[in-house]
Amino acid sequence: MKKIYTHENRLLVWDIKNALENIGFSCIIKNEFTSGGAGDLSPLDTWPEVWLVHDYLYEAATSYLREKYEAPAPTAEWVCRDCDEHNAGTFEICWNCGYSPL
């Protein structure tokens, strides 16, 4: 077994587990109930973890998670056609005049 994901938020951990299981990967959750040990244990040691049952599927599972959960690369900066203001690629409308190129 290999650990594939950990986070302090249990909902995110369960989301990852369910996403992997929905496409056929067998997973278990460890440290699900260890949050009460924080203080005596390092906080990172009490985070719930998703473990992949079959080691040989690790690369495929991490590739799937990268594809599904990583943020897309920011798009290029654009210039508003109404006011000539430069806008970051993450802006869907011009911050200056409200024009939307979409």
PDB file of N, CA and C in Angstrom:
ATOM      1  N   MET A   1       0.840  -1.180   0.000  1.00  0.00           N
ATOM      2  CA  MET A   1       0.000   0.000   0.000  1.00  0.00           C
ATOM      3  C   MET A   1       0.883   1.240   0.000  1.00  0.00           C
ATOM      4  N   LYS A   2       0.362   2.286  -0.672  1.00  0.00           N
ATOM      5  CA  LYS A   2       1.084   3.557  -0.717  1.00  0.00           C
ATOM      6  C   LYS A   2       0.140   4.696  -0.380  1.00  0.00           C
ATOM      7  N   LYS A   3       0.668   5.647   0.400  1.00  0.00           N
ATOM      8  CA  LYS A   3      -0.110   6.838   0.715  1.00  0.00           C
ATOM      9  C   LYS A   3      -0.156   7.713  -0.525  1.00  0.00           C
ATOM     10  N   ILE A   4      -1.362   8.129  -0.894  1.00  0.00           N
ATOM     11  CA  ILE A   4      -1.501   8.934  -2.102  1.00  0.00           C
ATOM     12  C   ILE A   4      -1.962  10.353  -1.807  1.00  0.00           C
ATOM     13  N   TYR A   5      -2.572  10.577  -0.639  1.00  0.00           N
ATOM     14  CA  TYR A   5      -3.086  11.919  -0.341  1.00  0.00           C
ATOM     15  C   TYR A   5      -3.320  12.067   1.154  1.00  0.00           C
ATOM     16  N   THR A   6      -3.063  13.263   1.657  1.00  0.00           N
ATOM     17  CA  THR A   6      -3.397  13.598   3.036  1.00  0.00           C
ATOM     18  C   THR A   6      -3.752  15.076   3.107  1.00  0.00           C
ATOM     19  N   HIS A   7      -4.625  15.417   4.007  1.00  0.00           N
ATOM     20  CA  HIS A   7      -5.043  16.808   4.196  1.00  0.00           C
ATOM     21  C   HIS A   7      -5.724  16.903   5.551  1.00  0.00           C
ATOM     22  N   GLU A   8      -5.719  18.091   6.133  1.00  0.00           N
ATOM     23  CA  GLU A   8      -6.369  18.257   7.429  1.00  0.00           C
ATOM     24  C   GLU A   8      -7.893  18.230   7.321  1.00  0.00           C
ATOM     25  N   ASN A   9      -8.431  18.532   6.137  1.00  0.00           N
ATOM     26  CA  ASN A   9      -9.873  18.573   5.921  1.00  0.00           C
ATOM     27  C   ASN A   9     -10.378  17.181   5.525  1.00  0.00           C
ATOM     28  N   ARG A  10     -11.152  16.563   6.392  1.00  0.00           N
ATOM     29  CA  ARG A  10     -11.666  15.211   6.141  1.00  0.00           C
ATOM     30  C   ARG A  10     -12.506  15.128   4.884  1.00  0.00           C
ATOM     31  N   LEU A  11     -13.248  16.206   4.570  1.00  0.00           N
ATOM     32  CA  LEU A  11     -14.103  16.187   3.382  1.00  0.00           C
ATOM     33  C   LEU A  11     -13.280  16.078   2.103  1.00  0.00           C
ATOM     34  N   LEU A  12     -12.145  16.772   2.051  1.00  0.00           N
ATOM     35  CA  LEU A  12     -11.279  16.670   0.882  1.00  0.00           C
ATOM     36  C   LEU A  12     -10.686  15.273   0.760  1.00  0.00           C
ATOM     37  N   VAL A  13     -10.325  14.695   1.878  1.00  0.00           N
ATOM     38  CA  VAL A  13      -9.759  13.346   1.875  1.00  0.00           C
ATOM     39  C   VAL A  13     -10.795  12.348   1.355  1.00  0.00           C
ATOM     40  N   TRP A  14     -12.014  12.452   1.830  1.00  0.00           N
ATOM     41  CA  TRP A  14     -13.071  11.552   1.361  1.00  0.00           C
ATOM     42  C   TRP A  14     -13.399  11.798  -0.107  1.00  0.00           C
ATOM     43  N   ASP A  15     -13.323  13.031  -0.558  1.00  0.00           N
ATOM     44  CA  ASP A  15     -13.565  13.344  -1.963  1.00  0.00           C
ATOM     45  C   ASP A  15     -12.536  12.646  -2.849  1.00  0.00           C
ATOM     46  N   ILE A  16     -11.270  12.702  -2.449  1.00  0.00           N
ATOM     47  CA  ILE A  16     -10.213  12.027  -3.212  1.00  0.00           C
ATOM     48  C   ILE A  16     -10.448  10.518  -3.220  1.00  0.00           C
ATOM     49  N   LYS A  17     -10.754   9.957  -2.065  1.00  0.00           N
ATOM     50  CA  LYS A  17     -10.999   8.511  -1.978  1.00  0.00           C
ATOM     51  C   LYS A  17     -12.152   8.113  -2.885  1.00  0.00           C
ATOM     52  N   ASN A  18     -13.254   8.848  -2.817  1.00  0.00           N
ATOM     53  CA  ASN A  18     -14.421   8.512  -3.642  1.00  0.00           C
ATOM     54  C   ASN A  18     -14.129   8.669  -5.128  1.00  0.00           C
ATOM     55  N   ALA A  19     -13.391   9.714  -5.499  1.00  0.00           N
ATOM     56  CA  ALA A  19     -13.044   9.923  -6.909  1.00  0.00           C
ATOM     57  C   ALA A  19     -12.214   8.755  -7.430  1.00  0.00           C
ATOM     58  N   LEU A  20     -11.250   8.302  -6.643  1.00  0.00           N
ATOM     59  CA  LEU A  20     -10.413   7.179  -7.055  1.00  0.00           C
ATOM     60  C   LEU A  20     -11.214   5.878  -7.127  1.00  0.00           C
ATOM     61  N   GLU A  21     -12.054   5.644  -6.143  1.00  0.00           N
ATOM     62  CA  GLU A  21     -12.843   4.411  -6.139  1.00  0.00           C
ATOM     63  C   GLU A  21     -13.868   4.385  -7.267  1.00  0.00           C
ATOM     64  N   ASN A  22     -14.387   5.546  -7.651  1.00  0.00           N
ATOM     65  CA  ASN A  22     -15.372   5.599  -8.731  1.00  0.00           C
ATOM     66  C   ASN A  22     -14.801   5.181 -10.075  1.00  0.00           C
ATOM     67  N   ILE A  23     -13.482   5.264 -10.236  1.00  0.00           N
ATOM     68  CA  ILE A  23     -12.890   4.819 -11.496  1.00  0.00           C
ATOM     69  C   ILE A  23     -12.129   3.501 -11.335  1.00  0.00           C
ATOM     70  N   GLY A  24     -12.304   2.839 -10.199  1.00  0.00           N
ATOM     71  CA  GLY A  24     -11.797   1.483 -10.042  1.00  0.00           C
ATOM     72  C   GLY A  24     -10.575   1.267  -9.180  1.00  0.00           C
ATOM     73  N   PHE A  25     -10.038   2.304  -8.549  1.00  0.00           N
ATOM     74  CA  PHE A  25      -8.888   2.134  -7.659  1.00  0.00           C
ATOM     75  C   PHE A  25      -9.381   1.757  -6.262  1.00  0.00           C
ATOM     76  N   SER A  26      -8.759   0.770  -5.650  1.00  0.00           N
ATOM     77  CA  SER A  26      -9.096   0.388  -4.278  1.00  0.00           C
ATOM     78  C   SER A  26      -8.298   1.244  -3.304  1.00  0.00           C
ATOM     79  N   CYS A  27      -9.004   1.880  -2.369  1.00  0.00           N
ATOM     80  CA  CYS A  27      -8.363   2.788  -1.412  1.00  0.00           C
ATOM     81  C   CYS A  27      -8.906   2.538  -0.008  1.00  0.00           C
ATOM     82  N   ILE A  28      -8.109   2.923   0.975  1.00  0.00           N
ATOM     83  CA  ILE A  28      -8.582   2.941   2.357  1.00  0.00           C
ATOM     84  C   ILE A  28      -8.169   4.274   2.973  1.00  0.00           C
ATOM     85  N   ILE A  29      -8.829   4.617   4.062  1.00  0.00           N
ATOM     86  CA  ILE A  29      -8.474   5.832   4.794  1.00  0.00           C
ATOM     87  C   ILE A  29      -7.854   5.423   6.119  1.00  0.00           C
ATOM     88  N   LYS A  30      -6.699   5.994   6.403  1.00  0.00           N
ATOM     89  CA  LYS A  30      -6.037   5.793   7.688  1.00  0.00           C
ATOM     90  C   LYS A  30      -6.099   7.097   8.461  1.00  0.00           C
ATOM     91  N   ASN A  31      -5.951   7.013   9.758  1.00  0.00           N
ATOM     92  CA  ASN A  31      -5.963   8.173  10.672  1.00  0.00           C
ATOM     93  C   ASN A  31      -7.287   8.919  10.652  1.00  0.00           C
ATOM     94  N   GLU A  32      -8.344   8.230  10.337  1.00  0.00           N
ATOM     95  CA  GLU A  32      -9.640   8.899  10.248  1.00  0.00           C
ATOM     96  C   GLU A  32     -10.083   9.496  11.583  1.00  0.00           C
ATOM     97  N   PHE A  33      -9.741   8.850  12.666  1.00  0.00           N
ATOM     98  CA  PHE A  33     -10.215   9.297  13.973  1.00  0.00           C
ATOM     99  C   PHE A  33      -9.085   9.720  14.904  1.00  0.00           C
ATOM    100  N   THR A  34      -7.963  10.156  14.362  1.00  0.00           N
ATOM    101  CA  THR A  34      -6.817  10.515  15.205  1.00  0.00           C
ATOM    102  C   THR A  34      -6.742  11.993  15.546  1.00  0.00           C
ATOM    103  N   SER A  35      -7.687  12.792  15.081  1.00  0.00           N
ATOM    104  CA  SER A  35      -7.600  14.239  15.334  1.00  0.00           C
ATOM    105  C   SER A  35      -7.609  14.563  16.824  1.00  0.00           C
ATOM    106  N   GLY A  36      -8.172  13.711  17.636  1.00  0.00           N
ATOM    107  CA  GLY A  36      -8.172  13.932  19.080  1.00  0.00           C
ATOM    108  C   GLY A  36      -6.793  13.825  19.695  1.00  0.00           C
ATOM    109  N   GLY A  37      -5.846  13.258  18.958  1.00  0.00           N
ATOM    110  CA  GLY A  37      -4.486  13.118  19.463  1.00  0.00           C
ATOM    111  C   GLY A  37      -3.627  14.348  19.233  1.00  0.00           C
ATOM    112  N   ALA A  38      -4.167  15.344  18.526  1.00  0.00           N
ATOM    113  CA  ALA A  38      -3.385  16.566  18.273  1.00  0.00           C
ATOM    114  C   ALA A  38      -3.036  17.204  19.609  1.00  0.00           C
ATOM    115  N   GLY A  39      -1.810  17.583  19.739  1.00  0.00           N
ATOM    116  CA  GLY A  39      -1.316  18.115  21.007  1.00  0.00           C
ATOM    117  C   GLY A  39      -0.307  17.146  21.588  1.00  0.00           C
ATOM    118  N   ASP A  40      -0.712  15.880  21.703  1.00  0.00           N
ATOM    119  CA  ASP A  40       0.237  14.845  22.116  1.00  0.00           C
ATOM    120  C   ASP A  40       1.043  14.365  20.907  1.00  0.00           C
ATOM    121  N   LEU A  41       0.420  14.429  19.745  1.00  0.00           N
ATOM    122  CA  LEU A  41       1.073  14.048  18.487  1.00  0.00           C
ATOM    123  C   LEU A  41       1.238  15.293  17.628  1.00  0.00           C
ATOM    124  N   SER A  42       2.139  15.219  16.679  1.00  0.00           N
ATOM    125  CA  SER A  42       2.289  16.303  15.716  1.00  0.00           C
ATOM    126  C   SER A  42       0.975  16.454  14.941  1.00  0.00           C
ATOM    127  N   PRO A  43       0.521  17.677  14.685  1.00  0.00           N
ATOM    128  CA  PRO A  43      -0.730  17.854  13.937  1.00  0.00           C
ATOM    129  C   PRO A  43      -0.713  17.145  12.583  1.00  0.00           C
ATOM    130  N   LEU A  44       0.430  17.131  11.910  1.00  0.00           N
ATOM    131  CA  LEU A  44       0.500  16.450  10.612  1.00  0.00           C
ATOM    132  C   LEU A  44       0.305  14.942  10.741  1.00  0.00           C
ATOM    133  N   ASP A  45       0.648  14.389  11.893  1.00  0.00           N
ATOM    134  CA  ASP A  45       0.478  12.953  12.111  1.00  0.00           C
ATOM    135  C   ASP A  45      -0.972  12.576  12.372  1.00  0.00           C
ATOM    136  N   THR A  46      -1.812  13.559  12.591  1.00  0.00           N
ATOM    137  CA  THR A  46      -3.224  13.260  12.877  1.00  0.00           C
ATOM    138  C   THR A  46      -4.134  13.509  11.680  1.00  0.00           C
ATOM    139  N   TRP A  47      -3.570  13.956  10.564  1.00  0.00           N
ATOM    140  CA  TRP A  47      -4.396  14.191   9.373  1.00  0.00           C
ATOM    141  C   TRP A  47      -4.843  12.866   8.777  1.00  0.00           C
ATOM    142  N   PRO A  48      -6.082  12.782   8.299  1.00  0.00           N
ATOM    143  CA  PRO A  48      -6.521  11.559   7.611  1.00  0.00           C
ATOM    144  C   PRO A  48      -5.756  11.395   6.291  1.00  0.00           C
ATOM    145  N   GLU A  49      -5.553  10.147   5.902  1.00  0.00           N
ATOM    146  CA  GLU A  49      -4.755   9.832   4.716  1.00  0.00           C
ATOM    147  C   GLU A  49      -5.500   8.859   3.818  1.00  0.00           C
ATOM    148  N   VAL A  50      -5.344   9.025   2.508  1.00  0.00           N
ATOM    149  CA  VAL A  50      -5.857   8.056   1.535  1.00  0.00           C
ATOM    150  C   VAL A  50      -4.686   7.189   1.119  1.00  0.00           C
ATOM    151  N   TRP A  51      -4.863   5.885   1.247  1.00  0.00           N
ATOM    152  CA  TRP A  51      -3.839   4.919   0.864  1.00  0.00           C
ATOM    153  C   TRP A  51      -4.373   4.073  -0.277  1.00  0.00           C
ATOM    154  N   LEU A  52      -3.569   3.932  -1.312  1.00  0.00           N
ATOM    155  CA  LEU A  52      -3.888   3.103  -2.457  1.00  0.00           C
ATOM    156  C   LEU A  52      -3.511   1.663  -2.120  1.00  0.00           C
ATOM    157  N   VAL A  53      -4.440   0.749  -2.310  1.00  0.00           N
ATOM    158  CA  VAL A  53      -4.214  -0.644  -1.921  1.00  0.00           C
ATOM    159  C   VAL A  53      -3.141  -1.309  -2.785  1.00  0.00           C
ATOM    160  N   HIS A  54      -3.169  -1.067  -4.073  1.00  0.00           N
ATOM    161  CA  HIS A  54      -2.237  -1.726  -5.001  1.00  0.00           C
ATOM    162  C   HIS A  54      -1.141  -0.747  -5.431  1.00  0.00           C
ATOM    163  N   ASP A  55       0.086  -1.017  -4.997  1.00  0.00           N
ATOM    164  CA  ASP A  55       1.227  -0.139  -5.293  1.00  0.00           C
ATOM    165  C   ASP A  55       1.443   0.083  -6.786  1.00  0.00           C
ATOM    166  N   TYR A  56       1.239  -0.948  -7.583  1.00  0.00           N
ATOM    167  CA  TYR A  56       1.541  -0.850  -9.005  1.00  0.00           C
ATOM    168  C   TYR A  56       0.618   0.127  -9.740  1.00  0.00           C
ATOM    169  N   LEU A  57      -0.454   0.557  -9.114  1.00  0.00           N
ATOM    170  CA  LEU A  57      -1.368   1.521  -9.723  1.00  0.00           C
ATOM    171  C   LEU A  57      -1.092   2.961  -9.276  1.00  0.00           C
ATOM    172  N   TYR A  58      -0.029   3.153  -8.506  1.00  0.00           N
ATOM    173  CA  TYR A  58       0.270   4.471  -7.947  1.00  0.00           C
ATOM    174  C   TYR A  58       0.440   5.540  -9.028  1.00  0.00           C
ATOM    175  N   GLU A  59       1.212   5.254 -10.058  1.00  0.00           N
ATOM    176  CA  GLU A  59       1.457   6.242 -11.116  1.00  0.00           C
ATOM    177  C   GLU A  59       0.163   6.612 -11.827  1.00  0.00           C
ATOM    178  N   ALA A  60      -0.664   5.630 -12.119  1.00  0.00           N
ATOM    179  CA  ALA A  60      -1.933   5.906 -12.798  1.00  0.00           C
ATOM    180  C   ALA A  60      -2.855   6.737 -11.909  1.00  0.00           C
ATOM    181  N   ALA A  61      -2.894   6.431 -10.633  1.00  0.00           N
ATOM    182  CA  ALA A  61      -3.763   7.168  -9.710  1.00  0.00           C
ATOM    183  C   ALA A  61      -3.283   8.603  -9.521  1.00  0.00           C
ATOM    184  N   THR A  62      -1.983   8.805  -9.365  1.00  0.00           N
ATOM    185  CA  THR A  62      -1.484  10.174  -9.207  1.00  0.00           C
ATOM    186  C   THR A  62      -1.670  10.973 -10.491  1.00  0.00           C
ATOM    187  N   SER A  63      -1.526  10.343 -11.617  1.00  0.00           N
ATOM    188  CA  SER A  63      -1.766  11.010 -12.897  1.00  0.00           C
ATOM    189  C   SER A  63      -3.220  11.449 -13.000  1.00  0.00           C
ATOM    190  N   TYR A  64      -4.134  10.576 -12.608  1.00  0.00           N
ATOM    191  CA  TYR A  64      -5.561  10.919 -12.622  1.00  0.00           C
ATOM    192  C   TYR A  64      -5.846  12.097 -11.692  1.00  0.00           C
ATOM    193  N   LEU A  65      -5.286  12.083 -10.495  1.00  0.00           N
ATOM    194  CA  LEU A  65      -5.520  13.172  -9.542  1.00  0.00           C
ATOM    195  C   LEU A  65      -4.958  14.494 -10.052  1.00  0.00           C
ATOM    196  N   ARG A  66      -3.776  14.450 -10.657  1.00  0.00           N
ATOM    197  CA  ARG A  66      -3.200  15.672 -11.226  1.00  0.00           C
ATOM    198  C   ARG A  66      -4.117  16.249 -12.306  1.00  0.00           C
ATOM    199  N   GLU A  67      -4.603  15.369 -13.160  1.00  0.00           N
ATOM    200  CA  GLU A  67      -5.478  15.782 -14.258  1.00  0.00           C
ATOM    201  C   GLU A  67      -6.791  16.363 -13.744  1.00  0.00           C
ATOM    202  N   LYS A  68      -7.348  15.736 -12.719  1.00  0.00           N
ATOM    203  CA  LYS A  68      -8.662  16.137 -12.223  1.00  0.00           C
ATOM    204  C   LYS A  68      -8.612  17.339 -11.280  1.00  0.00           C
ATOM    205  N   TYR A  69      -7.593  17.429 -10.440  1.00  0.00           N
ATOM    206  CA  TYR A  69      -7.613  18.408  -9.361  1.00  0.00           C
ATOM    207  C   TYR A  69      -6.637  19.570  -9.482  1.00  0.00           C
ATOM    208  N   GLU A  70      -5.633  19.479 -10.346  1.00  0.00           N
ATOM    209  CA  GLU A  70      -4.711  20.603 -10.446  1.00  0.00           C
ATOM    210  C   GLU A  70      -5.369  21.755 -11.181  1.00  0.00           C
ATOM    211  N   ALA A  71      -5.080  22.969 -10.732  1.00  0.00           N
ATOM    212  CA  ALA A  71      -5.653  24.159 -11.361  1.00  0.00           C
ATOM    213  C   ALA A  71      -5.082  24.322 -12.765  1.00  0.00           C
ATOM    214  N   PRO A  72      -5.911  24.760 -13.704  1.00  0.00           N
ATOM    215  CA  PRO A  72      -5.395  24.985 -15.055  1.00  0.00           C
ATOM    216  C   PRO A  72      -4.410  26.157 -15.069  1.00  0.00           C
ATOM    217  N   ALA A  73      -3.532  26.124 -16.012  1.00  0.00           N
ATOM    218  CA  ALA A  73      -2.563  27.213 -16.133  1.00  0.00           C
ATOM    219  C   ALA A  73      -3.300  28.514 -16.453  1.00  0.00           C
ATOM    220  N   PRO A  74      -2.836  29.613 -15.880  1.00  0.00           N
ATOM    221  CA  PRO A  74      -3.511  30.884 -16.161  1.00  0.00           C
ATOM    222  C   PRO A  74      -3.423  31.229 -17.641  1.00  0.00           C
ATOM    223  N   THR A  75      -4.475  31.849 -18.124  1.00  0.00           N
ATOM    224  CA  THR A  75      -4.493  32.244 -19.528  1.00  0.00           C
ATOM    225  C   THR A  75      -3.730  33.553 -19.701  1.00  0.00           C
ATOM    226  N   ALA A  76      -3.516  33.916 -20.941  1.00  0.00           N
ATOM    227  CA  ALA A  76      -2.725  35.101 -21.249  1.00  0.00           C
ATOM    228  C   ALA A  76      -3.462  36.389 -20.868  1.00  0.00           C
ATOM    229  N   GLU A  77      -2.679  37.397 -20.587  1.00  0.00           N
ATOM    230  CA  GLU A  77      -3.232  38.716 -20.308  1.00  0.00           C
ATOM    231  C   GLU A  77      -3.981  39.202 -21.551  1.00  0.00           C
ATOM    232  N   TRP A  78      -5.033  39.994 -21.355  1.00  0.00           N
ATOM    233  CA  TRP A  78      -5.777  40.534 -22.482  1.00  0.00           C
ATOM    234  C   TRP A  78      -6.031  42.027 -22.290  1.00  0.00           C
ATOM    235  N   VAL A  79      -6.264  42.713 -23.390  1.00  0.00           N
ATOM    236  CA  VAL A  79      -6.491  44.152 -23.387  1.00  0.00           C
ATOM    237  C   VAL A  79      -7.957  44.404 -23.722  1.00  0.00           C
ATOM    238  N   CYS A  80      -8.609  45.208 -22.899  1.00  0.00           N
ATOM    239  CA  CYS A  80     -10.018  45.533 -23.097  1.00  0.00           C
ATOM    240  C   CYS A  80     -10.184  46.339 -24.384  1.00  0.00           C
ATOM    241  N   ARG A  81     -11.145  45.948 -25.210  1.00  0.00           N
ATOM    242  CA  ARG A  81     -11.335  46.658 -26.475  1.00  0.00           C
ATOM    243  C   ARG A  81     -12.075  47.982 -26.274  1.00  0.00           C
ATOM    244  N   ASP A  82     -12.742  48.152 -25.128  1.00  0.00           N
ATOM    245  CA  ASP A  82     -13.479  49.396 -24.877  1.00  0.00           C
ATOM    246  C   ASP A  82     -12.611  50.484 -24.248  1.00  0.00           C
ATOM    247  N   CYS A  83     -11.760  50.119 -23.278  1.00  0.00           N
ATOM    248  CA  CYS A  83     -10.996  51.149 -22.555  1.00  0.00           C
ATOM    249  C   CYS A  83      -9.482  50.963 -22.639  1.00  0.00           C
ATOM    250  N   ASP A  84      -9.016  49.956 -23.387  1.00  0.00           N
ATOM    251  CA  ASP A  84      -7.587  49.661 -23.566  1.00  0.00           C
ATOM    252  C   ASP A  84      -6.860  49.332 -22.259  1.00  0.00           C
ATOM    253  N   GLU A  85      -7.586  48.890 -21.250  1.00  0.00           N
ATOM    254  CA  GLU A  85      -6.974  48.506 -19.974  1.00  0.00           C
ATOM    255  C   GLU A  85      -6.413  47.086 -20.075  1.00  0.00           C
ATOM    256  N   HIS A  86      -5.246  46.860 -19.502  1.00  0.00           N
ATOM    257  CA  HIS A  86      -4.656  45.522 -19.469  1.00  0.00           C
ATOM    258  C   HIS A  86      -5.269  44.756 -18.302  1.00  0.00           C
ATOM    259  N   ASN A  87      -5.686  43.501 -18.562  1.00  0.00           N
ATOM    260  CA  ASN A  87      -6.330  42.652 -17.559  1.00  0.00           C
ATOM    261  C   ASN A  87      -5.590  41.327 -17.463  1.00  0.00           C
ATOM    262  N   ALA A  88      -5.499  40.812 -16.271  1.00  0.00           N
ATOM    263  CA  ALA A  88      -4.884  39.497 -16.069  1.00  0.00           C
ATOM    264  C   ALA A  88      -5.724  38.430 -16.762  1.00  0.00           C
ATOM    265  N   GLY A  89      -5.078  37.344 -17.149  1.00  0.00           N
ATOM    266  CA  GLY A  89      -5.782  36.272 -17.837  1.00  0.00           C
ATOM    267  C   GLY A  89      -6.876  35.623 -17.008  1.00  0.00           C
ATOM    268  N   THR A  90      -6.803  35.777 -15.708  1.00  0.00           N
ATOM    269  CA  THR A  90      -7.822  35.187 -14.843  1.00  0.00           C
ATOM    270  C   THR A  90      -9.090  36.030 -14.763  1.00  0.00           C
ATOM    271  N   PHE A  91      -9.034  37.260 -15.258  1.00  0.00           N
ATOM    272  CA  PHE A  91     -10.210  38.138 -15.235  1.00  0.00           C
ATOM    273  C   PHE A  91     -11.127  37.802 -16.404  1.00  0.00           C
ATOM    274  N   GLU A  92     -12.407  37.625 -16.119  1.00  0.00           N
ATOM    275  CA  GLU A  92     -13.378  37.368 -17.179  1.00  0.00           C
ATOM    276  C   GLU A  92     -14.014  38.651 -17.679  1.00  0.00           C
ATOM    277  N   ILE A  93     -13.956  39.701 -16.870  1.00  0.00           N
ATOM    278  CA  ILE A  93     -14.447  41.007 -17.286  1.00  0.00           C
ATOM    279  C   ILE A  93     -13.381  42.042 -16.979  1.00  0.00           C
ATOM    280  N   CYS A  94     -13.427  43.140 -17.697  1.00  0.00           N
ATOM    281  CA  CYS A  94     -12.457  44.204 -17.469  1.00  0.00           C
ATOM    282  C   CYS A  94     -12.694  44.811 -16.089  1.00  0.00           C
ATOM    283  N   TRP A  95     -11.631  44.917 -15.325  1.00  0.00           N
ATOM    284  CA  TRP A  95     -11.766  45.451 -13.966  1.00  0.00           C
ATOM    285  C   TRP A  95     -12.060  46.946 -13.995  1.00  0.00           C
ATOM    286  N   ASN A  96     -11.741  47.608 -15.103  1.00  0.00           N
ATOM    287  CA  ASN A  96     -11.886  49.055 -15.184  1.00  0.00           C
ATOM    288  C   ASN A  96     -13.297  49.468 -15.652  1.00  0.00           C
ATOM    289  N   CYS A  97     -13.804  48.833 -16.716  1.00  0.00           N
ATOM    290  CA  CYS A  97     -15.063  49.286 -17.294  1.00  0.00           C
ATOM    291  C   CYS A  97     -16.173  48.233 -17.270  1.00  0.00           C
ATOM    292  N   GLY A  98     -15.830  46.979 -16.968  1.00  0.00           N
ATOM    293  CA  GLY A  98     -16.850  45.931 -16.894  1.00  0.00           C
ATOM    294  C   GLY A  98     -17.123  45.219 -18.199  1.00  0.00           C
ATOM    295  N   TYR A  99     -16.376  45.545 -19.264  1.00  0.00           N
ATOM    296  CA  TYR A  99     -16.565  44.875 -20.552  1.00  0.00           C
ATOM    297  C   TYR A  99     -16.199  43.398 -20.422  1.00  0.00           C
ATOM    298  N   SER A 100     -16.975  42.530 -21.081  1.00  0.00           N
ATOM    299  CA  SER A 100     -16.685  41.107 -21.080  1.00  0.00           C
ATOM    300  C   SER A 100     -16.420  40.631 -22.498  1.00  0.00           C
ATOM    301  N   PRO A 101     -15.246  40.085 -22.773  1.00  0.00           N
ATOM    302  CA  PRO A 101     -14.939  39.611 -24.126  1.00  0.00           C
ATOM    303  C   PRO A 101     -15.611  38.279 -24.450  1.00  0.00           C
ATOM    304  N   LEU A 102     -16.229  37.660 -23.485  1.00  0.00           N
ATOM    305  CA  LEU A 102     -16.844  36.337 -23.710  1.00  0.00           C
ATOM    306  C   LEU A 102     -18.230  36.432 -24.275  1.00  0.00           C
TER     307      LEU A 102
END
